[in-house]
Amino acid sequence: QASNPGQFENDSDALWQRGHVPETIVYHGRVGINTDAPDEALVVCGNAKVMGRVMHPSDSRAKQNIQEVDTNEQLRRITQMRLVEYDYKPEFASVMGIKNT
């Protein structure tokens, strides 16, 4: 909750702090946009526009020493995986806007 840029109202439910990096803000807890019940660190109910890069741990830009592997060995390991089918719980599908459960 911002009343002036860089100044935050005293709210016992929110633990906003200035970040270590300039122009950053830290919140210790869950953040919800268009929801008052976030069940993850960040929940956005609606569209999100990103005007920059999004890094993910599986992004090749975050890795080094990438090497080819033995395809036959990897296929053998895949055949040992447990494969399942599932339906989403109706209450989850409803909240997430999933029509085909």
Protein backbone atom coordinates (compact mmCIF):
# COMPACT_ATOMS: atom_id res chain seq x y z
CA GLN A 1 0.00 0.00 0.00
CA ALA A 2 1.70 3.15 -1.12
CA SER A 3 0.64 6.63 -0.11
CA ASN A 4 3.73 8.32 -1.58
CA PRO A 5 6.43 6.76 -3.73
CA GLY A 6 8.94 5.09 -1.42
CA GLN A 7 6.77 5.55 1.68
CA PHE A 8 4.42 2.86 2.92
CA GLU A 9 1.53 3.04 5.31
CA ASN A 10 1.94 1.22 8.60
CA ASP A 11 0.03 -2.01 8.01
CA SER A 12 0.47 -4.84 10.51
CA ASP A 13 -0.49 -7.42 7.84
CA ALA A 14 2.12 -6.22 5.35
CA LEU A 15 5.85 -6.36 5.95
CA TRP A 16 7.14 -4.17 3.12
CA GLN A 17 10.80 -3.21 3.19
CA ARG A 18 13.15 -1.37 0.89
CA GLY A 19 15.30 -3.83 -1.04
CA HIS A 20 19.09 -4.00 -1.03
CA VAL A 21 19.13 -3.12 -4.72
CA PRO A 22 18.06 0.45 -5.60
CA GLU A 23 14.41 0.90 -6.60
CA THR A 24 13.32 -2.46 -5.14
CA ILE A 25 10.75 -3.40 -2.53
CA VAL A 26 10.60 -6.65 -0.55
CA TYR A 27 7.44 -8.21 0.90
CA HIS A 28 7.77 -11.21 3.21
CA GLY A 29 4.69 -13.27 2.49
CA ARG A 30 2.30 -14.00 -0.36
CA VAL A 31 1.26 -11.37 -2.89
CA GLY A 32 -2.03 -11.47 -4.77
CA ILE A 33 -3.05 -9.33 -7.72
CA ASN A 34 -6.82 -9.35 -8.28
CA THR A 35 -7.19 -11.89 -5.48
CA ASP A 36 -7.30 -11.61 -1.70
CA ALA A 37 -6.36 -15.27 -1.17
CA PRO A 38 -3.00 -15.98 -2.83
CA ASP A 39 -1.91 -19.57 -2.25
CA GLU A 40 1.59 -19.12 -3.73
CA ALA A 41 4.34 -16.51 -3.38
CA LEU A 42 2.78 -14.54 -6.28
CA VAL A 43 -0.68 -15.10 -7.72
CA VAL A 44 -1.89 -12.99 -10.65
CA CYS A 45 -5.55 -13.43 -11.55
CA GLY A 46 -5.67 -11.92 -15.00
CA ASN A 47 -3.22 -11.22 -17.77
CA ALA A 48 0.36 -10.19 -17.07
CA LYS A 49 2.52 -8.17 -19.43
CA VAL A 50 6.29 -8.55 -19.19
CA MET A 51 8.37 -5.84 -20.82
CA GLY A 52 11.67 -7.60 -20.24
CA ARG A 53 13.14 -11.04 -19.82
CA VAL A 54 11.83 -13.75 -17.53
CA MET A 55 14.49 -16.10 -16.21
CA HIS A 56 13.58 -19.62 -15.16
CA PRO A 57 15.89 -22.30 -13.69
CA SER A 58 15.45 -24.37 -16.86
CA ASP A 59 16.52 -21.44 -19.05
CA SER A 60 19.72 -22.28 -20.97
CA ARG A 61 21.05 -18.78 -20.17
CA ALA A 62 21.29 -19.88 -16.51
CA LYS A 63 23.31 -23.03 -17.23
CA GLN A 64 26.86 -23.98 -18.07
CA ASN A 65 28.70 -27.22 -18.95
CA ILE A 66 25.79 -28.42 -21.12
CA GLN A 67 26.74 -31.82 -22.61
CA GLU A 68 25.08 -34.41 -24.80
CA VAL A 69 24.00 -37.61 -23.00
CA ASP A 70 23.70 -41.27 -23.97
CA THR A 71 20.25 -41.40 -25.59
CA ASN A 72 19.78 -45.16 -25.00
CA GLU A 73 20.53 -44.78 -21.28
CA GLN A 74 18.13 -41.87 -20.96
CA LEU A 75 15.33 -43.77 -22.76
CA ARG A 76 15.89 -46.71 -20.37
CA ARG A 77 15.52 -44.33 -17.43
CA ILE A 78 12.37 -42.81 -18.92
CA THR A 79 10.73 -46.24 -19.18
CA GLN A 80 11.12 -46.52 -15.40
CA MET A 81 9.09 -43.35 -14.78
CA ARG A 82 5.59 -43.52 -13.36
CA LEU A 83 3.13 -42.00 -15.84
CA VAL A 84 -0.33 -40.90 -14.69
CA GLU A 85 -3.51 -39.27 -15.96
CA TYR A 86 -5.60 -37.01 -13.76
CA ASP A 87 -8.54 -34.62 -13.54
CA TYR A 88 -8.31 -31.28 -11.76
CA LYS A 89 -10.43 -30.94 -8.64
CA PRO A 90 -13.53 -28.86 -9.53
CA GLU A 91 -12.79 -26.20 -6.90
CA PHE A 92 -9.23 -25.73 -8.26
CA ALA A 93 -10.39 -25.65 -11.88
CA SER A 94 -13.04 -23.07 -11.03
CA VAL A 95 -10.60 -20.73 -9.28
CA MET A 96 -7.99 -21.09 -12.05
CA GLY A 97 -10.49 -20.64 -14.89
CA ILE A 98 -9.87 -24.13 -16.27
CA LYS A 99 -12.89 -25.31 -18.26
CA ASN A 100 -11.64 -28.72 -19.44
CA THR A 101 -10.69 -30.52 -16.24
